[in-house]
N, C-alpha and C. Protein backbone atom coordinates (compact mmCIF):
# COMPACT_ATOMS: atom_id res chain seq x y z
N MET A 1 -58.90 -0.52 23.32
CA MET A 1 -58.59 -0.25 21.92
C MET A 1 -59.89 -0.03 21.17
N GLY A 2 -60.12 1.17 20.72
CA GLY A 2 -61.38 1.49 20.07
C GLY A 2 -61.21 1.74 18.59
N GLU A 3 -62.29 1.56 17.88
CA GLU A 3 -62.30 1.83 16.45
C GLU A 3 -62.23 3.34 16.21
N GLU A 4 -61.57 3.73 15.13
CA GLU A 4 -61.49 5.16 14.79
C GLU A 4 -62.89 5.71 14.54
N LEU A 5 -63.15 6.90 15.06
CA LEU A 5 -64.46 7.53 14.93
C LEU A 5 -64.40 8.71 13.97
N ILE A 6 -65.56 9.09 13.46
CA ILE A 6 -65.68 10.27 12.61
C ILE A 6 -66.88 11.08 13.09
N SER A 7 -66.73 12.40 13.13
CA SER A 7 -67.82 13.24 13.59
C SER A 7 -68.91 13.34 12.53
N LYS A 8 -70.10 13.70 12.96
CA LYS A 8 -71.21 13.85 12.01
C LYS A 8 -70.90 14.91 10.96
N LYS A 9 -70.34 16.02 11.38
CA LYS A 9 -70.01 17.09 10.44
C LYS A 9 -69.03 16.60 9.38
N ASP A 10 -67.98 15.92 9.81
CA ASP A 10 -66.98 15.42 8.86
C ASP A 10 -67.58 14.34 7.96
N LEU A 11 -68.46 13.52 8.52
CA LEU A 11 -69.10 12.47 7.73
C LEU A 11 -69.93 13.06 6.59
N LEU A 12 -70.73 14.06 6.91
CA LEU A 12 -71.58 14.68 5.89
C LEU A 12 -70.74 15.34 4.80
N GLN A 13 -69.66 15.98 5.20
CA GLN A 13 -68.79 16.63 4.22
C GLN A 13 -68.08 15.61 3.35
N LEU A 14 -67.62 14.54 3.96
CA LEU A 14 -66.84 13.53 3.24
C LEU A 14 -67.69 12.73 2.26
N THR A 15 -68.93 12.43 2.64
CA THR A 15 -69.78 11.57 1.81
C THR A 15 -70.71 12.34 0.89
N GLY A 16 -70.94 13.62 1.20
CA GLY A 16 -71.84 14.42 0.37
C GLY A 16 -73.31 14.16 0.62
N ILE A 17 -73.64 13.41 1.67
CA ILE A 17 -75.05 13.18 1.98
C ILE A 17 -75.56 14.31 2.87
N SER A 18 -76.87 14.43 2.97
CA SER A 18 -77.47 15.49 3.78
C SER A 18 -77.81 14.98 5.18
N TYR A 19 -78.03 15.92 6.08
CA TYR A 19 -78.49 15.61 7.44
C TYR A 19 -79.78 14.80 7.37
N GLY A 20 -80.70 15.23 6.50
CA GLY A 20 -81.98 14.55 6.37
C GLY A 20 -81.84 13.11 5.91
N GLN A 21 -80.96 12.87 4.93
CA GLN A 21 -80.73 11.50 4.46
C GLN A 21 -80.20 10.62 5.58
N LEU A 22 -79.23 11.15 6.32
CA LEU A 22 -78.61 10.37 7.39
C LEU A 22 -79.65 9.91 8.41
N TYR A 23 -80.54 10.80 8.81
CA TYR A 23 -81.51 10.45 9.84
C TYR A 23 -82.70 9.67 9.27
N ARG A 24 -82.95 9.82 7.98
CA ARG A 24 -83.95 8.97 7.34
C ARG A 24 -83.45 7.52 7.32
N TRP A 25 -82.19 7.34 7.01
CA TRP A 25 -81.61 6.00 7.00
C TRP A 25 -81.57 5.42 8.42
N LYS A 26 -81.38 6.28 9.40
CA LYS A 26 -81.41 5.82 10.79
C LYS A 26 -82.81 5.33 11.15
N ARG A 27 -83.84 6.09 10.77
CA ARG A 27 -85.22 5.69 11.09
C ARG A 27 -85.58 4.36 10.44
N LYS A 28 -85.03 4.11 9.27
CA LYS A 28 -85.30 2.86 8.55
C LYS A 28 -84.39 1.72 9.03
N ASN A 29 -83.51 2.04 9.98
CA ASN A 29 -82.54 1.08 10.50
C ASN A 29 -81.57 0.60 9.42
N ILE A 30 -81.38 1.43 8.40
CA ILE A 30 -80.35 1.14 7.40
C ILE A 30 -78.98 1.42 8.00
N ILE A 31 -78.93 2.44 8.83
CA ILE A 31 -77.75 2.70 9.66
C ILE A 31 -78.17 2.45 11.11
N PRO A 32 -77.55 1.50 11.80
CA PRO A 32 -77.99 1.14 13.15
C PRO A 32 -77.93 2.31 14.12
N GLU A 33 -78.91 2.37 14.98
CA GLU A 33 -78.99 3.46 15.95
C GLU A 33 -77.77 3.50 16.86
N GLU A 34 -77.22 2.30 17.17
CA GLU A 34 -76.08 2.27 18.09
C GLU A 34 -74.81 2.85 17.48
N TRP A 35 -74.82 3.10 16.17
CA TRP A 35 -73.66 3.76 15.55
C TRP A 35 -73.66 5.26 15.81
N PHE A 36 -74.77 5.82 16.25
CA PHE A 36 -74.87 7.24 16.57
C PHE A 36 -74.43 7.42 18.02
N MET A 37 -73.20 7.85 18.22
CA MET A 37 -72.63 7.91 19.57
C MET A 37 -72.42 9.36 20.01
N LYS A 38 -73.09 9.73 21.07
CA LYS A 38 -72.95 11.08 21.62
C LYS A 38 -71.70 11.15 22.49
N LYS A 39 -70.84 12.11 22.20
CA LYS A 39 -69.62 12.29 22.98
C LYS A 39 -69.38 13.77 23.24
N SER A 40 -68.70 14.05 24.33
CA SER A 40 -68.38 15.43 24.67
C SER A 40 -67.26 15.95 23.78
N SER A 41 -67.39 17.19 23.35
CA SER A 41 -66.34 17.85 22.57
C SER A 41 -66.21 19.28 23.07
N PHE A 42 -65.26 20.02 22.52
CA PHE A 42 -65.06 21.39 23.00
C PHE A 42 -66.24 22.29 22.69
N THR A 43 -67.12 21.85 21.77
CA THR A 43 -68.33 22.62 21.45
C THR A 43 -69.55 22.12 22.20
N GLY A 44 -69.36 21.09 23.04
CA GLY A 44 -70.48 20.50 23.76
C GLY A 44 -70.66 19.05 23.37
N GLN A 45 -71.90 18.61 23.20
CA GLN A 45 -72.19 17.24 22.76
C GLN A 45 -72.12 17.15 21.24
N GLU A 46 -71.45 16.12 20.75
CA GLU A 46 -71.35 15.93 19.31
C GLU A 46 -71.57 14.46 18.99
N THR A 47 -72.11 14.19 17.81
CA THR A 47 -72.38 12.81 17.40
C THR A 47 -71.20 12.28 16.58
N PHE A 48 -70.76 11.08 16.96
CA PHE A 48 -69.67 10.41 16.24
C PHE A 48 -70.14 9.04 15.77
N PHE A 49 -69.41 8.50 14.79
CA PHE A 49 -69.74 7.20 14.21
C PHE A 49 -68.46 6.37 14.09
N PRO A 50 -68.62 5.02 14.08
CA PRO A 50 -67.46 4.17 13.75
C PRO A 50 -67.08 4.42 12.28
N LYS A 51 -65.92 5.00 12.06
CA LYS A 51 -65.59 5.59 10.76
C LYS A 51 -65.67 4.60 9.60
N GLN A 52 -64.90 3.52 9.68
CA GLN A 52 -64.83 2.64 8.52
C GLN A 52 -66.15 1.95 8.24
N ARG A 53 -66.84 1.55 9.30
CA ARG A 53 -68.11 0.85 9.10
C ARG A 53 -69.15 1.74 8.45
N ILE A 54 -69.25 2.99 8.91
CA ILE A 54 -70.30 3.84 8.34
C ILE A 54 -69.94 4.29 6.93
N LEU A 55 -68.65 4.48 6.66
CA LEU A 55 -68.26 4.84 5.29
C LEU A 55 -68.56 3.69 4.33
N ASP A 56 -68.25 2.46 4.76
CA ASP A 56 -68.57 1.29 3.93
C ASP A 56 -70.08 1.18 3.72
N ARG A 57 -70.84 1.42 4.80
CA ARG A 57 -72.29 1.29 4.71
C ARG A 57 -72.89 2.33 3.77
N ILE A 58 -72.44 3.58 3.88
CA ILE A 58 -72.98 4.65 3.02
C ILE A 58 -72.62 4.41 1.56
N GLU A 59 -71.41 3.93 1.33
CA GLU A 59 -71.03 3.61 -0.05
C GLU A 59 -71.96 2.56 -0.65
N LYS A 60 -72.28 1.54 0.14
CA LYS A 60 -73.17 0.48 -0.35
C LYS A 60 -74.60 1.00 -0.52
N ILE A 61 -75.06 1.86 0.38
CA ILE A 61 -76.40 2.45 0.24
C ILE A 61 -76.50 3.23 -1.05
N LYS A 62 -75.47 4.00 -1.36
CA LYS A 62 -75.48 4.79 -2.60
C LYS A 62 -75.57 3.89 -3.83
N GLU A 63 -74.93 2.73 -3.76
CA GLU A 63 -74.97 1.80 -4.88
C GLU A 63 -76.37 1.21 -5.06
N LEU A 64 -77.09 1.04 -3.95
CA LEU A 64 -78.38 0.34 -3.99
C LEU A 64 -79.58 1.26 -4.15
N LYS A 65 -79.46 2.52 -3.72
CA LYS A 65 -80.66 3.35 -3.54
C LYS A 65 -81.39 3.70 -4.83
N ASP A 66 -80.72 3.67 -5.97
CA ASP A 66 -81.41 4.00 -7.22
C ASP A 66 -82.28 2.86 -7.73
N ASP A 67 -81.97 1.65 -7.27
CA ASP A 67 -82.68 0.47 -7.77
C ASP A 67 -83.59 -0.18 -6.74
N GLN A 68 -83.43 0.18 -5.46
CA GLN A 68 -84.20 -0.48 -4.41
C GLN A 68 -84.80 0.57 -3.47
N SER A 69 -85.94 0.21 -2.89
CA SER A 69 -86.57 1.10 -1.91
C SER A 69 -85.79 1.05 -0.60
N LEU A 70 -86.04 2.02 0.27
CA LEU A 70 -85.36 2.04 1.56
C LEU A 70 -85.71 0.81 2.39
N ASP A 71 -86.94 0.34 2.28
CA ASP A 71 -87.34 -0.86 3.02
C ASP A 71 -86.56 -2.08 2.53
N ASP A 72 -86.36 -2.17 1.21
CA ASP A 72 -85.59 -3.28 0.66
C ASP A 72 -84.14 -3.21 1.10
N ILE A 73 -83.59 -2.00 1.10
CA ILE A 73 -82.20 -1.83 1.52
C ILE A 73 -82.05 -2.20 3.00
N ALA A 74 -83.03 -1.82 3.81
CA ALA A 74 -83.00 -2.17 5.23
C ALA A 74 -82.96 -3.68 5.41
N ARG A 75 -83.71 -4.39 4.59
CA ARG A 75 -83.70 -5.86 4.68
C ARG A 75 -82.34 -6.42 4.28
N VAL A 76 -81.73 -5.80 3.29
CA VAL A 76 -80.41 -6.25 2.84
C VAL A 76 -79.40 -6.17 3.98
N PHE A 77 -79.47 -5.08 4.75
CA PHE A 77 -78.47 -4.85 5.77
C PHE A 77 -78.82 -5.47 7.12
N SER A 78 -79.96 -6.08 7.23
CA SER A 78 -80.35 -6.67 8.51
C SER A 78 -79.35 -7.73 8.93
N VAL A 79 -78.96 -7.69 10.19
CA VAL A 79 -78.05 -8.71 10.71
C VAL A 79 -78.79 -9.64 11.67
N ASN A 80 -80.10 -9.66 11.54
CA ASN A 80 -80.90 -10.58 12.35
C ASN A 80 -80.55 -12.01 12.00
N GLU A 81 -80.25 -12.83 13.01
CA GLU A 81 -79.83 -14.20 12.77
C GLU A 81 -80.87 -14.99 11.98
N GLU A 82 -82.14 -14.77 12.25
CA GLU A 82 -83.17 -15.56 11.59
C GLU A 82 -83.23 -15.24 10.10
N ILE A 83 -82.91 -13.98 9.74
CA ILE A 83 -82.96 -13.60 8.33
C ILE A 83 -81.75 -14.12 7.59
N VAL A 84 -80.54 -13.87 8.15
CA VAL A 84 -79.33 -14.21 7.42
C VAL A 84 -79.09 -15.70 7.41
N SER A 85 -79.57 -16.42 8.43
CA SER A 85 -79.37 -17.86 8.43
C SER A 85 -80.41 -18.59 7.60
N ASP A 86 -81.32 -17.85 6.99
CA ASP A 86 -82.24 -18.43 6.04
C ASP A 86 -81.46 -19.17 4.96
N ARG A 87 -81.97 -20.30 4.52
CA ARG A 87 -81.26 -21.16 3.59
C ARG A 87 -80.75 -20.40 2.37
N GLY A 88 -81.60 -19.57 1.77
CA GLY A 88 -81.20 -18.86 0.56
C GLY A 88 -80.11 -17.85 0.81
N ASN A 89 -80.22 -17.08 1.90
CA ASN A 89 -79.20 -16.08 2.20
C ASN A 89 -77.89 -16.72 2.63
N ALA A 90 -77.95 -17.84 3.34
CA ALA A 90 -76.72 -18.55 3.70
C ALA A 90 -76.00 -19.01 2.44
N THR A 91 -76.76 -19.42 1.44
CA THR A 91 -76.16 -19.86 0.18
C THR A 91 -75.40 -18.73 -0.49
N ILE A 92 -75.94 -17.50 -0.41
CA ILE A 92 -75.26 -16.34 -1.00
C ILE A 92 -73.89 -16.16 -0.35
N PHE A 93 -73.84 -16.28 0.97
CA PHE A 93 -72.56 -16.18 1.67
C PHE A 93 -71.62 -17.29 1.23
N LEU A 94 -72.12 -18.52 1.24
CA LEU A 94 -71.27 -19.68 1.00
C LEU A 94 -70.70 -19.69 -0.41
N GLU A 95 -71.40 -19.08 -1.35
CA GLU A 95 -70.89 -19.00 -2.71
C GLU A 95 -69.60 -18.19 -2.79
N GLN A 96 -69.37 -17.34 -1.81
CA GLN A 96 -68.18 -16.48 -1.81
C GLN A 96 -67.02 -17.10 -1.03
N ILE A 97 -67.24 -18.27 -0.46
CA ILE A 97 -66.23 -18.90 0.40
C ILE A 97 -65.61 -20.08 -0.34
N PRO A 98 -64.29 -20.09 -0.54
CA PRO A 98 -63.64 -21.18 -1.26
C PRO A 98 -63.85 -22.54 -0.59
N LYS A 99 -63.75 -23.56 -1.38
CA LYS A 99 -63.98 -24.93 -0.91
C LYS A 99 -63.03 -25.29 0.23
N GLN A 100 -61.78 -24.83 0.15
CA GLN A 100 -60.79 -25.15 1.18
C GLN A 100 -61.25 -24.67 2.55
N VAL A 101 -61.80 -23.46 2.61
CA VAL A 101 -62.25 -22.90 3.89
C VAL A 101 -63.45 -23.68 4.42
N VAL A 102 -64.37 -24.01 3.52
CA VAL A 102 -65.54 -24.80 3.92
C VAL A 102 -65.10 -26.16 4.47
N GLN A 103 -64.10 -26.77 3.82
CA GLN A 103 -63.62 -28.08 4.27
C GLN A 103 -62.98 -28.00 5.66
N ILE A 104 -62.28 -26.91 5.93
CA ILE A 104 -61.70 -26.73 7.27
C ILE A 104 -62.81 -26.68 8.31
N TYR A 105 -63.86 -25.91 8.01
CA TYR A 105 -64.98 -25.81 8.95
C TYR A 105 -65.64 -27.17 9.14
N GLN A 106 -65.89 -27.88 8.05
CA GLN A 106 -66.56 -29.17 8.13
C GLN A 106 -65.72 -30.22 8.86
N SER A 107 -64.39 -30.09 8.78
CA SER A 107 -63.53 -31.03 9.50
C SER A 107 -63.66 -30.85 11.01
N LEU A 108 -63.97 -29.63 11.42
CA LEU A 108 -64.14 -29.34 12.85
C LEU A 108 -65.55 -29.65 13.34
N PHE A 109 -66.53 -29.38 12.48
CA PHE A 109 -67.94 -29.51 12.88
C PHE A 109 -68.71 -30.30 11.81
N PRO A 110 -68.41 -31.60 11.70
CA PRO A 110 -68.99 -32.40 10.61
C PRO A 110 -70.51 -32.57 10.69
N ASN A 111 -71.08 -32.36 11.85
CA ASN A 111 -72.53 -32.56 12.01
C ASN A 111 -73.34 -31.29 11.78
N THR A 112 -72.66 -30.18 11.51
CA THR A 112 -73.36 -28.91 11.29
C THR A 112 -73.70 -28.74 9.81
N LYS A 113 -74.96 -28.47 9.52
CA LYS A 113 -75.38 -28.24 8.14
C LYS A 113 -75.04 -26.80 7.75
N LEU A 114 -74.35 -26.65 6.63
CA LEU A 114 -73.87 -25.33 6.22
C LEU A 114 -75.02 -24.35 6.02
N GLU A 115 -76.15 -24.83 5.50
CA GLU A 115 -77.26 -23.93 5.22
C GLU A 115 -77.92 -23.41 6.50
N HIS A 116 -77.54 -23.97 7.64
CA HIS A 116 -78.10 -23.53 8.92
C HIS A 116 -77.15 -22.62 9.69
N LEU A 117 -76.05 -22.25 9.09
CA LEU A 117 -75.10 -21.38 9.78
C LEU A 117 -75.70 -20.00 10.02
N GLY A 118 -75.38 -19.41 11.17
CA GLY A 118 -75.86 -18.07 11.49
C GLY A 118 -74.93 -17.00 10.95
N THR A 119 -75.32 -15.77 11.15
CA THR A 119 -74.57 -14.63 10.62
C THR A 119 -73.14 -14.58 11.12
N VAL A 120 -72.96 -14.78 12.43
CA VAL A 120 -71.61 -14.71 13.00
C VAL A 120 -70.71 -15.77 12.39
N GLN A 121 -71.24 -16.98 12.23
CA GLN A 121 -70.43 -18.05 11.64
C GLN A 121 -70.08 -17.76 10.18
N LEU A 122 -71.05 -17.25 9.43
CA LEU A 122 -70.80 -16.95 8.02
C LEU A 122 -69.78 -15.84 7.85
N CYS A 123 -69.90 -14.78 8.64
CA CYS A 123 -68.92 -13.69 8.58
C CYS A 123 -67.54 -14.20 9.00
N SER A 124 -67.51 -15.12 9.94
CA SER A 124 -66.24 -15.68 10.39
C SER A 124 -65.56 -16.46 9.27
N LEU A 125 -66.33 -17.15 8.46
CA LEU A 125 -65.75 -17.88 7.33
C LEU A 125 -65.20 -16.92 6.28
N LEU A 126 -65.89 -15.80 6.05
CA LEU A 126 -65.36 -14.79 5.13
C LEU A 126 -64.07 -14.19 5.69
N PHE A 127 -64.04 -13.97 6.99
CA PHE A 127 -62.83 -13.49 7.67
C PHE A 127 -61.69 -14.49 7.48
N VAL A 128 -61.98 -15.76 7.72
CA VAL A 128 -60.98 -16.82 7.58
C VAL A 128 -60.40 -16.83 6.17
N ASN A 129 -61.27 -16.73 5.18
CA ASN A 129 -60.81 -16.76 3.79
C ASN A 129 -59.81 -15.64 3.51
N GLU A 130 -60.12 -14.43 3.98
CA GLU A 130 -59.23 -13.29 3.71
C GLU A 130 -57.86 -13.48 4.35
N TRP A 131 -57.84 -13.86 5.62
CA TRP A 131 -56.57 -13.90 6.34
C TRP A 131 -55.77 -15.16 6.05
N LEU A 132 -56.44 -16.22 5.68
CA LEU A 132 -55.72 -17.42 5.25
C LEU A 132 -55.11 -17.20 3.87
N SER A 133 -55.84 -16.50 3.01
CA SER A 133 -55.37 -16.25 1.65
C SER A 133 -54.12 -15.37 1.62
N ASN A 134 -54.06 -14.39 2.52
CA ASN A 134 -52.90 -13.49 2.49
C ASN A 134 -51.71 -14.01 3.31
N GLY A 135 -51.86 -15.21 3.85
CA GLY A 135 -50.73 -15.86 4.51
C GLY A 135 -50.41 -15.36 5.90
N SER A 136 -51.31 -14.60 6.50
CA SER A 136 -51.04 -14.04 7.83
C SER A 136 -51.14 -15.07 8.94
N VAL A 137 -51.97 -16.09 8.73
CA VAL A 137 -52.19 -17.10 9.76
C VAL A 137 -52.14 -18.49 9.14
N THR A 138 -51.90 -19.47 9.99
CA THR A 138 -51.83 -20.86 9.54
C THR A 138 -53.19 -21.53 9.66
N ILE A 139 -53.30 -22.70 9.07
CA ILE A 139 -54.55 -23.46 9.17
C ILE A 139 -54.86 -23.81 10.62
N GLU A 140 -53.83 -24.17 11.38
CA GLU A 140 -54.05 -24.51 12.79
C GLU A 140 -54.56 -23.30 13.58
N GLU A 141 -54.02 -22.12 13.26
CA GLU A 141 -54.49 -20.91 13.93
C GLU A 141 -55.94 -20.60 13.55
N ILE A 142 -56.27 -20.85 12.29
CA ILE A 142 -57.65 -20.66 11.84
C ILE A 142 -58.59 -21.61 12.56
N LYS A 143 -58.16 -22.83 12.77
CA LYS A 143 -59.00 -23.80 13.49
C LYS A 143 -59.26 -23.33 14.93
N GLN A 144 -58.24 -22.75 15.55
CA GLN A 144 -58.42 -22.21 16.90
C GLN A 144 -59.47 -21.11 16.90
N PHE A 145 -59.40 -20.25 15.88
CA PHE A 145 -60.38 -19.16 15.78
C PHE A 145 -61.79 -19.70 15.59
N LEU A 146 -61.96 -20.66 14.69
CA LEU A 146 -63.29 -21.20 14.42
C LEU A 146 -63.87 -21.89 15.65
N ASN A 147 -63.02 -22.57 16.41
CA ASN A 147 -63.49 -23.18 17.65
C ASN A 147 -63.94 -22.13 18.66
N LEU A 148 -63.20 -21.02 18.72
CA LEU A 148 -63.58 -19.93 19.63
C LEU A 148 -64.93 -19.34 19.23
N VAL A 149 -65.12 -19.10 17.94
CA VAL A 149 -66.39 -18.56 17.45
C VAL A 149 -67.54 -19.52 17.76
N GLU A 150 -67.31 -20.80 17.50
CA GLU A 150 -68.38 -21.78 17.71
C GLU A 150 -68.79 -21.84 19.18
N THR A 151 -67.82 -21.72 20.06
CA THR A 151 -68.09 -21.78 21.49
C THR A 151 -68.93 -20.60 21.97
N HIS A 152 -68.67 -19.42 21.37
CA HIS A 152 -69.30 -18.19 21.87
C HIS A 152 -70.23 -17.54 20.86
N LYS A 153 -70.66 -18.26 19.85
CA LYS A 153 -71.44 -17.66 18.76
C LYS A 153 -72.72 -16.98 19.23
N ASN A 154 -73.32 -17.49 20.28
CA ASN A 154 -74.57 -16.90 20.77
C ASN A 154 -74.35 -15.66 21.63
N GLN A 155 -73.11 -15.44 22.06
CA GLN A 155 -72.79 -14.26 22.87
C GLN A 155 -72.15 -13.14 22.06
N ILE A 156 -71.74 -13.44 20.82
CA ILE A 156 -71.04 -12.45 20.01
C ILE A 156 -72.05 -11.50 19.37
N ASN A 157 -71.88 -10.22 19.64
CA ASN A 157 -72.71 -9.18 19.02
C ASN A 157 -72.00 -8.74 17.74
N LEU A 158 -72.56 -9.10 16.60
CA LEU A 158 -71.88 -8.86 15.33
C LEU A 158 -71.56 -7.39 15.11
N ASP A 159 -72.47 -6.50 15.48
CA ASP A 159 -72.24 -5.07 15.27
C ASP A 159 -71.05 -4.54 16.05
N GLU A 160 -70.76 -5.16 17.20
CA GLU A 160 -69.73 -4.63 18.10
C GLU A 160 -68.46 -5.46 18.13
N ALA A 161 -68.48 -6.65 17.53
CA ALA A 161 -67.38 -7.60 17.71
C ALA A 161 -66.13 -7.19 16.95
N THR A 162 -65.02 -7.17 17.66
CA THR A 162 -63.70 -6.94 17.08
C THR A 162 -62.89 -8.22 17.23
N VAL A 163 -62.23 -8.62 16.15
CA VAL A 163 -61.37 -9.80 16.18
C VAL A 163 -59.91 -9.34 16.22
N ILE A 164 -59.19 -9.80 17.22
CA ILE A 164 -57.78 -9.44 17.38
C ILE A 164 -56.97 -10.72 17.46
N TYR A 165 -55.83 -10.72 16.77
CA TYR A 165 -54.91 -11.86 16.89
C TYR A 165 -53.55 -11.33 17.31
N ILE A 166 -53.02 -11.91 18.37
CA ILE A 166 -51.76 -11.46 18.97
C ILE A 166 -50.76 -12.62 18.97
N ARG A 167 -49.52 -12.31 18.63
CA ARG A 167 -48.45 -13.28 18.82
C ARG A 167 -47.44 -12.70 19.81
N LYS A 168 -47.09 -13.50 20.79
CA LYS A 168 -46.10 -13.08 21.79
C LYS A 168 -45.23 -14.27 22.14
N PHE A 169 -43.92 -14.10 21.99
CA PHE A 169 -42.97 -15.19 22.23
C PHE A 169 -43.34 -16.42 21.40
N GLY A 170 -43.80 -16.17 20.18
CA GLY A 170 -44.11 -17.27 19.28
C GLY A 170 -45.45 -17.93 19.50
N MET A 171 -46.19 -17.49 20.51
CA MET A 171 -47.49 -18.08 20.82
C MET A 171 -48.60 -17.12 20.37
N GLY A 172 -49.63 -17.68 19.74
CA GLY A 172 -50.73 -16.86 19.24
C GLY A 172 -51.96 -16.95 20.12
N THR A 173 -52.70 -15.84 20.21
CA THR A 173 -53.94 -15.79 20.99
C THR A 173 -54.99 -15.02 20.21
N TRP A 174 -56.19 -15.60 20.13
CA TRP A 174 -57.33 -14.92 19.52
C TRP A 174 -58.14 -14.22 20.60
N ILE A 175 -58.60 -13.02 20.28
CA ILE A 175 -59.49 -12.28 21.17
C ILE A 175 -60.69 -11.81 20.36
N ILE A 176 -61.88 -12.08 20.85
CA ILE A 176 -63.10 -11.52 20.26
C ILE A 176 -63.73 -10.65 21.34
N GLY A 177 -63.72 -9.35 21.11
CA GLY A 177 -64.20 -8.44 22.14
C GLY A 177 -65.08 -7.35 21.59
N ASN A 178 -65.53 -6.49 22.47
CA ASN A 178 -66.30 -5.31 22.10
C ASN A 178 -65.31 -4.23 21.68
N GLN A 179 -65.50 -3.68 20.49
CA GLN A 179 -64.51 -2.75 19.95
C GLN A 179 -64.29 -1.54 20.83
N HIS A 180 -65.27 -1.15 21.65
CA HIS A 180 -65.12 0.03 22.49
C HIS A 180 -64.55 -0.29 23.87
N GLU A 181 -64.39 -1.58 24.18
CA GLU A 181 -64.00 -1.95 25.54
C GLU A 181 -62.91 -3.01 25.58
N THR A 182 -62.20 -3.20 24.50
CA THR A 182 -61.15 -4.21 24.44
C THR A 182 -59.80 -3.52 24.51
N PHE A 183 -58.98 -3.93 25.45
CA PHE A 183 -57.68 -3.29 25.65
C PHE A 183 -56.58 -4.34 25.55
N VAL A 184 -55.56 -4.01 24.78
CA VAL A 184 -54.46 -4.94 24.53
C VAL A 184 -53.15 -4.23 24.82
N ASP A 185 -52.22 -4.96 25.43
CA ASP A 185 -50.89 -4.41 25.69
C ASP A 185 -50.22 -4.05 24.36
N GLN A 186 -49.85 -2.79 24.22
CA GLN A 186 -49.26 -2.33 22.96
C GLN A 186 -47.90 -2.96 22.69
N LYS A 187 -47.31 -3.60 23.71
CA LYS A 187 -46.04 -4.28 23.50
C LYS A 187 -46.24 -5.60 22.77
N ASP A 188 -47.46 -6.09 22.78
CA ASP A 188 -47.75 -7.33 22.07
C ASP A 188 -47.74 -7.08 20.56
N SER A 189 -47.45 -8.12 19.81
CA SER A 189 -47.46 -8.02 18.35
C SER A 189 -48.87 -8.31 17.85
N ILE A 190 -49.59 -7.26 17.47
CA ILE A 190 -50.97 -7.40 17.00
C ILE A 190 -50.95 -7.60 15.49
N LEU A 191 -51.31 -8.80 15.05
CA LEU A 191 -51.28 -9.12 13.63
C LEU A 191 -52.60 -8.78 12.95
N ILE A 192 -53.69 -8.92 13.67
CA ILE A 192 -55.02 -8.69 13.11
C ILE A 192 -55.83 -7.87 14.11
N ASN A 193 -56.54 -6.90 13.61
CA ASN A 193 -57.46 -6.11 14.45
C ASN A 193 -58.55 -5.56 13.53
N VAL A 194 -59.64 -6.30 13.41
CA VAL A 194 -60.70 -5.93 12.46
C VAL A 194 -62.07 -6.06 13.11
N THR A 195 -63.03 -5.37 12.54
CA THR A 195 -64.42 -5.47 12.98
C THR A 195 -65.12 -6.56 12.18
N LEU A 196 -65.72 -7.51 12.87
CA LEU A 196 -66.28 -8.68 12.19
C LEU A 196 -67.41 -8.31 11.23
N SER A 197 -68.19 -7.29 11.58
CA SER A 197 -69.32 -6.92 10.72
C SER A 197 -68.89 -6.39 9.36
N ASN A 198 -67.60 -6.01 9.22
CA ASN A 198 -67.11 -5.59 7.90
C ASN A 198 -67.34 -6.66 6.86
N TYR A 199 -67.30 -7.92 7.29
CA TYR A 199 -67.44 -9.02 6.35
C TYR A 199 -68.89 -9.22 5.93
N LEU A 200 -69.82 -8.74 6.75
CA LEU A 200 -71.21 -8.74 6.32
C LEU A 200 -71.40 -7.75 5.19
N ASN A 201 -70.81 -6.56 5.33
CA ASN A 201 -70.91 -5.54 4.28
C ASN A 201 -70.25 -6.02 3.00
N LYS A 202 -69.10 -6.70 3.12
CA LYS A 202 -68.39 -7.17 1.93
C LYS A 202 -69.16 -8.26 1.21
N SER A 203 -70.00 -8.98 1.96
CA SER A 203 -70.72 -10.10 1.35
C SER A 203 -71.87 -9.63 0.48
N ILE A 204 -72.31 -8.37 0.65
CA ILE A 204 -73.48 -7.87 -0.07
C ILE A 204 -73.03 -7.26 -1.38
N LYS A 205 -73.28 -7.91 -2.45
CA LYS A 205 -72.79 -7.46 -3.76
C LYS A 205 -73.91 -6.82 -4.56
């Protein structure tokens, strides 16, 4: 199950940016190099991108570029664990997370200091807030998800991680996989299928 892609040609037309801007942002790592995916098409080799992620990213770049330099914007979008888990940046994330969600996390991991949480954990809390708020999952299901994240936090690649929640015969299962290599039986009831890094973009105001 892969994320919907958009071609470079369609991306430039849809967003109104130029070829030069796109590759300038790539050189500055404002748009990650791994988002530039070469694939075969009827015209030969063509570049594609993860559609929703790059559209969200370009929208945010447009909001920031008049007031900040490209280097500053690159720092904003960095998903390096050492940068985002910095005490000040962790606080920015935590300010957006309701007390109820924080309490659920602390009930599971009472010895973990919130200001030391890494990027994956912080994005997971933003994810939890959204799906708990809309009533799609229960608190017990959220606890299962948080335990899964905590167990595998060092192996999860934020740029590639897809979170899927399936219910079958009344039983729920969480899957955290690579968006390009995760396959799920379409007969299963898929309640959630999102890219975890979306919550990093949403956190940047």
